[in-house]
Amino acid sequence: ACVALVLLCVLLESTEAAAKRRNARDWSKMTDKDWEMIEKEMTKGDPEDDDAYVPPEKKKKKRKPTQFDPANPMAFMEDSKKDKPAMMFATLKGSPTKQETEDLGFKWKNLLFSGGVDAMPYAIEDNKMLWTVQDGAKGFQVKDFLLSQPEVDEFEWEQQKTKSEL
């Protein structure tokens, strides 16, 4: 009975508010006191800073830098490039077409991916590929893999060129 009474009151109040629709002339006659009353009704029960946008905080993991170990300099090099994107270039032997270069890049990308290395090849010239990795530490694996391929003549990373020994 009590719930029905509350629902009836809410229904009457909403129909009464709908009947009191204001037109443009009514809005122009509103006083500051009327506007303050409307503002109080609109913000009633809302916290003040509810409308303020607060961006979420990004959590960055702080990595402890690897100490240089003369017995294992590669670990230090990999750590210095970790979590940073890297670009590398591979020059092919002979004079393949751009399509052959793209096909070879696709084949090598799949082989690298099956080994846990996500690298993207781009044929930029007939005999030259650009390789990108999102984790620069994986660049050493890309370098080792590409230099082990008989079709690769030269590998370049950070202006350092390495000739293939095959």
N, C-alpha and C. Protein backbone atom coordinates (compact mmCIF):
# COMPACT_ATOMS: atom_id res chain seq x y z
N ALA A 1 0.83 -1.18 0.00
CA ALA A 1 0.00 0.00 0.00
C ALA A 1 0.88 1.26 0.00
N CYS A 2 1.93 1.19 0.80
CA CYS A 2 2.85 2.34 0.91
C CYS A 2 3.59 2.57 -0.41
N VAL A 3 4.00 1.47 -1.03
CA VAL A 3 4.71 1.56 -2.31
C VAL A 3 3.79 2.13 -3.38
N ALA A 4 2.53 1.71 -3.38
CA ALA A 4 1.57 2.20 -4.35
C ALA A 4 1.34 3.70 -4.16
N LEU A 5 1.31 4.16 -2.91
CA LEU A 5 1.13 5.58 -2.61
C LEU A 5 2.31 6.39 -3.12
N VAL A 6 3.52 5.87 -2.93
CA VAL A 6 4.72 6.57 -3.41
C VAL A 6 4.72 6.63 -4.93
N LEU A 7 4.37 5.53 -5.59
CA LEU A 7 4.31 5.52 -7.05
C LEU A 7 3.27 6.51 -7.57
N LEU A 8 2.13 6.60 -6.90
CA LEU A 8 1.08 7.53 -7.29
C LEU A 8 1.57 8.97 -7.18
N CYS A 9 2.30 9.28 -6.09
CA CYS A 9 2.84 10.63 -5.90
C CYS A 9 3.85 10.97 -6.99
N VAL A 10 4.71 10.03 -7.32
CA VAL A 10 5.71 10.25 -8.36
C VAL A 10 5.03 10.47 -9.70
N LEU A 11 4.01 9.68 -10.00
CA LEU A 11 3.28 9.80 -11.26
C LEU A 11 2.59 11.16 -11.35
N LEU A 12 1.95 11.60 -10.28
CA LEU A 12 1.27 12.90 -10.29
C LEU A 12 2.27 14.03 -10.46
N GLU A 13 3.39 13.93 -9.79
CA GLU A 13 4.41 14.98 -9.87
C GLU A 13 4.98 15.07 -11.29
N SER A 14 5.22 13.90 -11.94
CA SER A 14 5.78 13.92 -13.29
C SER A 14 4.78 14.47 -14.30
N THR A 15 3.47 14.16 -14.16
CA THR A 15 2.48 14.70 -15.08
C THR A 15 2.29 16.18 -14.84
N GLU A 16 2.40 16.62 -13.59
CA GLU A 16 2.29 18.04 -13.26
C GLU A 16 3.47 18.81 -13.86
N ALA A 17 4.68 18.20 -13.81
CA ALA A 17 5.86 18.85 -14.37
C ALA A 17 5.74 18.93 -15.89
N ALA A 18 5.16 17.91 -16.50
CA ALA A 18 4.99 17.90 -17.95
C ALA A 18 3.97 18.97 -18.36
N ALA A 19 2.98 19.18 -17.53
CA ALA A 19 1.97 20.19 -17.82
C ALA A 19 2.54 21.60 -17.70
N LYS A 20 3.58 21.78 -16.92
CA LYS A 20 4.20 23.08 -16.70
C LYS A 20 5.33 23.36 -17.68
N ARG A 21 5.31 22.76 -18.85
CA ARG A 21 6.35 22.99 -19.85
C ARG A 21 6.47 24.47 -20.10
N ARG A 22 7.69 24.95 -20.21
CA ARG A 22 7.91 26.38 -20.41
C ARG A 22 8.15 26.66 -21.89
N ASN A 23 7.68 27.80 -22.32
CA ASN A 23 7.98 28.22 -23.68
C ASN A 23 9.08 29.28 -23.64
N ALA A 24 9.46 29.82 -24.76
CA ALA A 24 10.58 30.78 -24.83
C ALA A 24 10.30 32.02 -23.99
N ARG A 25 9.05 32.47 -23.97
CA ARG A 25 8.72 33.67 -23.20
C ARG A 25 8.90 33.41 -21.71
N ASP A 26 8.53 32.20 -21.25
CA ASP A 26 8.68 31.86 -19.83
C ASP A 26 10.15 31.84 -19.43
N TRP A 27 11.00 31.30 -20.30
CA TRP A 27 12.42 31.21 -19.98
C TRP A 27 13.05 32.60 -19.89
N SER A 28 12.59 33.52 -20.71
CA SER A 28 13.19 34.86 -20.68
C SER A 28 12.78 35.63 -19.42
N LYS A 29 11.70 35.25 -18.78
CA LYS A 29 11.23 35.92 -17.56
C LYS A 29 11.84 35.35 -16.29
N MET A 30 12.71 34.35 -16.42
CA MET A 30 13.28 33.70 -15.24
C MET A 30 14.25 34.64 -14.53
N THR A 31 14.21 34.62 -13.23
CA THR A 31 15.12 35.44 -12.42
C THR A 31 16.31 34.60 -11.99
N ASP A 32 17.32 35.25 -11.44
CA ASP A 32 18.49 34.53 -10.94
C ASP A 32 18.10 33.54 -9.86
N LYS A 33 17.11 33.90 -9.05
CA LYS A 33 16.66 33.00 -7.99
C LYS A 33 16.04 31.73 -8.61
N ASP A 34 15.29 31.90 -9.69
CA ASP A 34 14.70 30.74 -10.37
C ASP A 34 15.80 29.83 -10.93
N TRP A 35 16.83 30.44 -11.54
CA TRP A 35 17.93 29.65 -12.10
C TRP A 35 18.68 28.89 -11.01
N GLU A 36 18.89 29.54 -9.87
CA GLU A 36 19.57 28.88 -8.75
C GLU A 36 18.74 27.70 -8.24
N MET A 37 17.42 27.86 -8.19
CA MET A 37 16.55 26.77 -7.74
C MET A 37 16.64 25.59 -8.72
N ILE A 38 16.65 25.86 -10.02
CA ILE A 38 16.78 24.79 -11.02
C ILE A 38 18.13 24.10 -10.88
N GLU A 39 19.18 24.90 -10.67
CA GLU A 39 20.51 24.31 -10.51
C GLU A 39 20.57 23.41 -9.28
N LYS A 40 19.94 23.82 -8.19
CA LYS A 40 19.92 23.00 -6.98
C LYS A 40 19.19 21.68 -7.24
N GLU A 41 18.09 21.74 -7.97
CA GLU A 41 17.33 20.53 -8.29
C GLU A 41 18.15 19.58 -9.16
N MET A 42 18.88 20.14 -10.11
CA MET A 42 19.66 19.31 -11.03
C MET A 42 20.86 18.66 -10.34
N THR A 43 21.48 19.36 -9.40
CA THR A 43 22.68 18.83 -8.75
C THR A 43 22.39 18.17 -7.42
N LYS A 44 21.13 18.09 -7.06
CA LYS A 44 20.74 17.49 -5.78
C LYS A 44 21.20 16.04 -5.72
N GLY A 45 22.00 15.71 -4.72
CA GLY A 45 22.46 14.35 -4.52
C GLY A 45 23.72 13.99 -5.30
N ASP A 46 24.19 14.87 -6.19
CA ASP A 46 25.40 14.60 -6.96
C ASP A 46 26.62 15.18 -6.25
N PRO A 47 27.72 14.46 -6.22
CA PRO A 47 28.93 15.04 -5.68
C PRO A 47 29.41 16.17 -6.60
N GLU A 48 30.09 17.14 -6.02
CA GLU A 48 30.55 18.32 -6.76
C GLU A 48 31.43 17.97 -7.94
N ASP A 49 32.42 17.13 -7.74
CA ASP A 49 33.40 16.84 -8.80
C ASP A 49 33.03 15.59 -9.59
N ASP A 50 31.74 15.29 -9.66
CA ASP A 50 31.29 14.13 -10.42
C ASP A 50 31.51 14.34 -11.91
N ASP A 51 31.42 15.59 -12.37
CA ASP A 51 31.56 15.89 -13.78
C ASP A 51 33.01 16.00 -14.22
N ALA A 52 33.92 16.19 -13.30
CA ALA A 52 35.33 16.37 -13.66
C ALA A 52 35.92 15.04 -14.12
N TYR A 53 36.58 15.08 -15.27
CA TYR A 53 37.22 13.87 -15.81
C TYR A 53 38.61 13.72 -15.20
N VAL A 54 38.85 12.55 -14.69
CA VAL A 54 40.16 12.24 -14.15
C VAL A 54 40.71 11.05 -14.94
N PRO A 55 41.78 11.29 -15.74
CA PRO A 55 42.30 10.18 -16.54
C PRO A 55 42.92 9.11 -15.66
N PRO A 56 42.84 7.85 -16.10
CA PRO A 56 43.45 6.78 -15.30
C PRO A 56 44.98 6.91 -15.32
N GLU A 57 45.57 6.51 -14.24
CA GLU A 57 47.03 6.58 -14.14
C GLU A 57 47.64 5.38 -14.83
N LYS A 58 48.71 5.64 -15.57
CA LYS A 58 49.43 4.56 -16.22
C LYS A 58 50.45 4.01 -15.24
N LYS A 59 50.48 2.71 -15.15
CA LYS A 59 51.44 2.07 -14.26
C LYS A 59 52.63 1.65 -15.08
N LYS A 60 53.75 2.24 -14.79
CA LYS A 60 54.98 1.86 -15.48
C LYS A 60 55.81 1.01 -14.55
N LYS A 61 56.22 -0.10 -15.11
CA LYS A 61 57.08 -0.97 -14.32
C LYS A 61 58.50 -0.43 -14.41
N LYS A 62 59.09 -0.25 -13.27
CA LYS A 62 60.47 0.20 -13.26
C LYS A 62 61.36 -1.03 -13.30
N ARG A 63 62.17 -1.05 -14.36
CA ARG A 63 63.07 -2.18 -14.52
C ARG A 63 64.41 -1.84 -13.88
N LYS A 64 64.97 -2.81 -13.28
CA LYS A 64 66.30 -2.65 -12.73
C LYS A 64 67.30 -2.87 -13.87
N PRO A 65 68.14 -1.88 -14.17
CA PRO A 65 69.07 -2.05 -15.28
C PRO A 65 70.07 -3.18 -15.01
N THR A 66 70.40 -3.88 -16.08
CA THR A 66 71.36 -4.98 -15.97
C THR A 66 72.76 -4.40 -15.81
N GLN A 67 73.48 -4.97 -14.90
CA GLN A 67 74.88 -4.55 -14.71
C GLN A 67 75.71 -5.16 -15.83
N PHE A 68 76.71 -4.41 -16.28
CA PHE A 68 77.56 -4.90 -17.35
C PHE A 68 78.43 -6.04 -16.83
N ASP A 69 78.35 -7.16 -17.54
CA ASP A 69 79.15 -8.33 -17.21
C ASP A 69 80.07 -8.60 -18.40
N PRO A 70 81.39 -8.44 -18.23
CA PRO A 70 82.30 -8.65 -19.36
C PRO A 70 82.21 -10.07 -19.94
N ALA A 71 81.77 -11.01 -19.15
CA ALA A 71 81.65 -12.39 -19.65
C ALA A 71 80.42 -12.54 -20.56
N ASN A 72 79.42 -11.66 -20.41
CA ASN A 72 78.20 -11.74 -21.21
C ASN A 72 77.76 -10.33 -21.65
N PRO A 73 78.46 -9.72 -22.60
CA PRO A 73 78.08 -8.36 -23.02
C PRO A 73 76.74 -8.30 -23.76
N MET A 74 76.30 -9.41 -24.36
CA MET A 74 75.04 -9.41 -25.09
C MET A 74 73.84 -9.18 -24.16
N ALA A 75 73.91 -9.68 -22.95
CA ALA A 75 72.81 -9.47 -22.00
C ALA A 75 72.65 -7.98 -21.72
N PHE A 76 73.75 -7.27 -21.60
CA PHE A 76 73.71 -5.83 -21.37
C PHE A 76 73.13 -5.11 -22.59
N MET A 77 73.55 -5.52 -23.78
CA MET A 77 73.07 -4.89 -25.01
C MET A 77 71.57 -5.14 -25.18
N GLU A 78 71.11 -6.35 -24.93
CA GLU A 78 69.69 -6.66 -25.06
C GLU A 78 68.86 -5.86 -24.07
N ASP A 79 69.37 -5.72 -22.85
CA ASP A 79 68.64 -4.97 -21.83
C ASP A 79 68.54 -3.50 -22.21
N SER A 80 69.57 -2.96 -22.84
CA SER A 80 69.54 -1.54 -23.20
C SER A 80 68.52 -1.26 -24.31
N LYS A 81 68.15 -2.26 -25.08
CA LYS A 81 67.19 -2.08 -26.18
C LYS A 81 65.80 -2.62 -25.85
N LYS A 82 65.64 -3.21 -24.68
CA LYS A 82 64.38 -3.83 -24.30
C LYS A 82 63.25 -2.81 -24.25
N ASP A 83 62.08 -3.24 -24.75
CA ASP A 83 60.84 -2.44 -24.73
C ASP A 83 60.92 -1.16 -25.57
N LYS A 84 61.86 -1.10 -26.49
CA LYS A 84 61.96 0.05 -27.38
C LYS A 84 61.87 -0.47 -28.82
N PRO A 85 61.10 0.20 -29.67
CA PRO A 85 61.01 -0.26 -31.06
C PRO A 85 62.34 -0.10 -31.78
N ALA A 86 62.58 -0.97 -32.77
CA ALA A 86 63.84 -0.92 -33.52
C ALA A 86 63.56 -1.20 -34.99
N MET A 87 64.43 -0.61 -35.84
CA MET A 87 64.36 -0.83 -37.28
C MET A 87 65.71 -1.35 -37.74
N MET A 88 65.66 -2.32 -38.66
CA MET A 88 66.87 -2.92 -39.21
C MET A 88 66.70 -3.07 -40.71
N PHE A 89 67.81 -3.18 -41.42
CA PHE A 89 67.77 -3.36 -42.87
C PHE A 89 68.55 -4.61 -43.25
N ALA A 90 68.03 -5.32 -44.24
CA ALA A 90 68.72 -6.49 -44.78
C ALA A 90 68.81 -6.31 -46.29
N THR A 91 70.03 -6.44 -46.81
CA THR A 91 70.26 -6.37 -48.25
C THR A 91 70.46 -7.78 -48.76
N LEU A 92 69.78 -8.11 -49.86
CA LEU A 92 69.84 -9.45 -50.42
C LEU A 92 70.91 -9.55 -51.50
N LYS A 93 71.39 -10.76 -51.68
CA LYS A 93 72.38 -11.03 -52.73
C LYS A 93 71.69 -11.07 -54.08
N GLY A 94 72.44 -10.81 -55.13
CA GLY A 94 71.90 -10.91 -56.48
C GLY A 94 70.97 -9.75 -56.78
N SER A 95 70.07 -9.99 -57.71
CA SER A 95 69.12 -8.94 -58.10
C SER A 95 67.69 -9.49 -58.15
N PRO A 96 67.11 -9.76 -56.97
CA PRO A 96 65.74 -10.26 -56.95
C PRO A 96 64.75 -9.14 -57.30
N THR A 97 63.58 -9.52 -57.72
CA THR A 97 62.52 -8.52 -57.96
C THR A 97 61.92 -8.12 -56.61
N LYS A 98 61.16 -7.04 -56.63
CA LYS A 98 60.52 -6.59 -55.38
C LYS A 98 59.55 -7.66 -54.87
N GLN A 99 58.86 -8.32 -55.79
CA GLN A 99 57.91 -9.38 -55.40
C GLN A 99 58.64 -10.55 -54.73
N GLU A 100 59.79 -10.94 -55.27
CA GLU A 100 60.59 -12.02 -54.68
C GLU A 100 61.09 -11.61 -53.29
N THR A 101 61.45 -10.34 -53.16
CA THR A 101 61.90 -9.83 -51.85
C THR A 101 60.75 -9.87 -50.84
N GLU A 102 59.55 -9.47 -51.28
CA GLU A 102 58.38 -9.52 -50.38
C GLU A 102 58.06 -10.95 -49.98
N ASP A 103 58.11 -11.86 -50.94
CA ASP A 103 57.82 -13.27 -50.65
C ASP A 103 58.82 -13.86 -49.66
N LEU A 104 60.08 -13.53 -49.84
CA LEU A 104 61.12 -14.01 -48.93
C LEU A 104 60.91 -13.42 -47.53
N GLY A 105 60.57 -12.13 -47.47
CA GLY A 105 60.30 -11.48 -46.18
C GLY A 105 59.13 -12.13 -45.46
N PHE A 106 58.07 -12.46 -46.20
CA PHE A 106 56.91 -13.11 -45.60
C PHE A 106 57.29 -14.49 -45.05
N LYS A 107 58.07 -15.22 -45.82
CA LYS A 107 58.51 -16.56 -45.38
C LYS A 107 59.34 -16.45 -44.10
N TRP A 108 60.29 -15.51 -44.09
CA TRP A 108 61.16 -15.34 -42.91
C TRP A 108 60.37 -14.82 -41.71
N LYS A 109 59.39 -13.95 -41.95
CA LYS A 109 58.55 -13.44 -40.85
C LYS A 109 57.86 -14.60 -40.15
N ASN A 110 57.31 -15.53 -40.94
CA ASN A 110 56.62 -16.69 -40.36
C ASN A 110 57.58 -17.60 -39.60
N LEU A 111 58.78 -17.78 -40.12
CA LEU A 111 59.77 -18.60 -39.41
C LEU A 111 60.18 -17.93 -38.09
N LEU A 112 60.39 -16.63 -38.13
CA LEU A 112 60.74 -15.91 -36.90
C LEU A 112 59.60 -15.98 -35.89
N PHE A 113 58.38 -15.82 -36.37
CA PHE A 113 57.22 -15.84 -35.48
C PHE A 113 57.08 -17.20 -34.81
N SER A 114 57.36 -18.27 -35.56
CA SER A 114 57.28 -19.60 -34.97
C SER A 114 58.36 -19.79 -33.90
N GLY A 115 59.40 -18.98 -33.95
CA GLY A 115 60.45 -19.01 -32.93
C GLY A 115 60.23 -18.00 -31.81
N GLY A 116 59.07 -17.34 -31.82
CA GLY A 116 58.74 -16.41 -30.73
C GLY A 116 59.20 -14.98 -30.96
N VAL A 117 59.53 -14.62 -32.21
CA VAL A 117 59.98 -13.27 -32.51
C VAL A 117 58.96 -12.63 -33.45
N ASP A 118 58.35 -11.53 -33.00
CA ASP A 118 57.35 -10.84 -33.81
C ASP A 118 58.03 -9.68 -34.54
N ALA A 119 58.39 -9.90 -35.79
CA ALA A 119 59.07 -8.90 -36.60
C ALA A 119 58.28 -8.68 -37.89
N MET A 120 58.29 -7.46 -38.39
CA MET A 120 57.56 -7.13 -39.62
C MET A 120 58.54 -6.73 -40.71
N PRO A 121 58.48 -7.40 -41.87
CA PRO A 121 59.33 -7.02 -42.99
C PRO A 121 58.60 -6.10 -43.98
N TYR A 122 59.34 -5.19 -44.58
CA TYR A 122 58.81 -4.31 -45.62
C TYR A 122 59.84 -4.27 -46.74
N ALA A 123 59.44 -4.61 -47.95
CA ALA A 123 60.34 -4.54 -49.09
C ALA A 123 60.40 -3.08 -49.53
N ILE A 124 61.55 -2.43 -49.34
CA ILE A 124 61.65 -1.01 -49.67
C ILE A 124 62.36 -0.79 -51.01
N GLU A 125 63.10 -1.78 -51.46
CA GLU A 125 63.74 -1.76 -52.77
C GLU A 125 63.70 -3.18 -53.30
N ASP A 126 64.18 -3.36 -54.53
CA ASP A 126 64.15 -4.71 -55.10
C ASP A 126 64.94 -5.70 -54.27
N ASN A 127 66.06 -5.26 -53.72
CA ASN A 127 66.90 -6.20 -52.96
C ASN A 127 67.12 -5.75 -51.51
N LYS A 128 66.24 -4.89 -50.98
CA LYS A 128 66.43 -4.39 -49.62
C LYS A 128 65.13 -4.46 -48.83
N MET A 129 65.24 -4.94 -47.58
CA MET A 129 64.09 -5.05 -46.68
C MET A 129 64.32 -4.22 -45.43
N LEU A 130 63.23 -3.63 -44.95
CA LEU A 130 63.22 -2.97 -43.66
C LEU A 130 62.52 -3.92 -42.71
N TRP A 131 63.13 -4.17 -41.55
CA TRP A 131 62.54 -5.03 -40.53
C TRP A 131 62.28 -4.18 -39.30
N THR A 132 61.10 -4.35 -38.70
CA THR A 132 60.78 -3.63 -37.46
C THR A 132 60.39 -4.62 -36.37
N VAL A 133 60.77 -4.31 -35.15
CA VAL A 133 60.36 -5.07 -33.97
C VAL A 133 59.92 -4.07 -32.91
N GLN A 134 58.93 -4.43 -32.12
CA GLN A 134 58.46 -3.55 -31.04
C GLN A 134 59.34 -3.66 -29.81
N ASP A 135 59.98 -4.77 -29.64
CA ASP A 135 60.90 -4.98 -28.53
C ASP A 135 62.30 -5.10 -29.11
N GLY A 136 63.09 -4.04 -28.94
CA GLY A 136 64.42 -3.99 -29.53
C GLY A 136 65.32 -5.14 -29.11
N ALA A 137 65.07 -5.74 -27.97
CA ALA A 137 65.89 -6.87 -27.52
C ALA A 137 65.76 -8.05 -28.48
N LYS A 138 64.61 -8.12 -29.18
CA LYS A 138 64.42 -9.20 -30.16
C LYS A 138 65.22 -8.95 -31.45
N GLY A 139 65.72 -7.75 -31.60
CA GLY A 139 66.49 -7.41 -32.79
C GLY A 139 67.73 -8.28 -32.96
N PHE A 140 68.32 -8.71 -31.88
CA PHE A 140 69.51 -9.56 -31.96
C PHE A 140 69.15 -10.93 -32.55
N GLN A 141 67.96 -11.42 -32.21
CA GLN A 141 67.51 -12.69 -32.79
C GLN A 141 67.21 -12.53 -34.28
N VAL A 142 66.64 -11.39 -34.66
CA VAL A 142 66.38 -11.12 -36.07
C VAL A 142 67.71 -11.05 -36.82
N LYS A 143 68.67 -10.37 -36.23
CA LYS A 143 69.99 -10.24 -36.87
C LYS A 143 70.63 -11.62 -37.08
N ASP A 144 70.65 -12.42 -36.03
CA ASP A 144 71.25 -13.75 -36.13
C ASP A 144 70.54 -14.61 -37.17
N PHE A 145 69.21 -14.54 -37.18
CA PHE A 145 68.45 -15.33 -38.13
C PHE A 145 68.74 -14.90 -39.57
N LEU A 146 68.65 -13.59 -39.82
CA LEU A 146 68.84 -13.11 -41.19
C LEU A 146 70.26 -13.37 -41.70
N LEU A 147 71.25 -13.21 -40.83
CA LEU A 147 72.62 -13.46 -41.28
C LEU A 147 72.88 -14.95 -41.50
N SER A 148 72.02 -15.80 -41.01
CA SER A 148 72.18 -17.24 -41.26
C SER A 148 71.50 -17.68 -42.56
N GLN A 149 70.80 -16.75 -43.23
CA GLN A 149 70.11 -17.07 -44.47
C GLN A 149 71.06 -16.85 -45.66
N PRO A 150 71.14 -17.80 -46.58
CA PRO A 150 72.08 -17.68 -47.70
C PRO A 150 71.75 -16.53 -48.66
N GLU A 151 70.50 -16.06 -48.67
CA GLU A 151 70.11 -14.97 -49.57
C GLU A 151 70.54 -13.59 -49.08
N VAL A 152 70.92 -13.47 -47.79
CA VAL A 152 71.24 -12.17 -47.22
C VAL A 152 72.72 -11.85 -47.45
N ASP A 153 72.95 -10.64 -47.95
CA ASP A 153 74.32 -10.17 -48.20
C ASP A 153 74.83 -9.32 -47.05
N GLU A 154 73.94 -8.45 -46.52
CA GLU A 154 74.37 -7.49 -45.49
C GLU A 154 73.21 -7.17 -44.57
N PHE A 155 73.53 -6.92 -43.30
CA PHE A 155 72.53 -6.56 -42.29
C PHE A 155 72.98 -5.24 -41.67
N GLU A 156 72.04 -4.29 -41.52
CA GLU A 156 72.39 -2.99 -40.94
C GLU A 156 71.43 -2.67 -39.79
N TRP A 157 72.01 -2.27 -38.67
CA TRP A 157 71.23 -1.89 -37.50
C TRP A 157 71.97 -0.78 -36.79
N GLU A 158 71.29 0.33 -36.59
CA GLU A 158 71.88 1.51 -35.95
C GLU A 158 73.20 1.91 -36.62
N GLN A 159 73.16 2.04 -37.92
CA GLN A 159 74.29 2.44 -38.75
C GLN A 159 75.50 1.50 -38.66
N GLN A 160 75.31 0.32 -38.17
CA GLN A 160 76.38 -0.67 -38.13
C GLN A 160 76.04 -1.77 -39.13
N LYS A 161 76.91 -1.92 -40.12
CA LYS A 161 76.69 -2.92 -41.16
C LYS A 161 77.47 -4.17 -40.86
N THR A 162 76.83 -5.32 -41.05
CA THR A 162 77.45 -6.62 -40.85
C THR A 162 77.29 -7.43 -42.13
N LYS A 163 78.41 -7.85 -42.69
CA LYS A 163 78.37 -8.67 -43.91
C LYS A 163 78.07 -10.11 -43.54
N SER A 164 77.35 -10.78 -44.41
CA SER A 164 77.07 -12.21 -44.21
C SER A 164 78.32 -13.02 -44.52
N GLU A 165 78.53 -14.05 -43.75
CA GLU A 165 79.71 -14.91 -43.96
C GLU A 165 79.36 -16.13 -44.78
N LEU A 166 78.14 -16.22 -45.29
CA LEU A 166 77.72 -17.36 -46.11
C LEU A 166 78.00 -17.10 -47.57
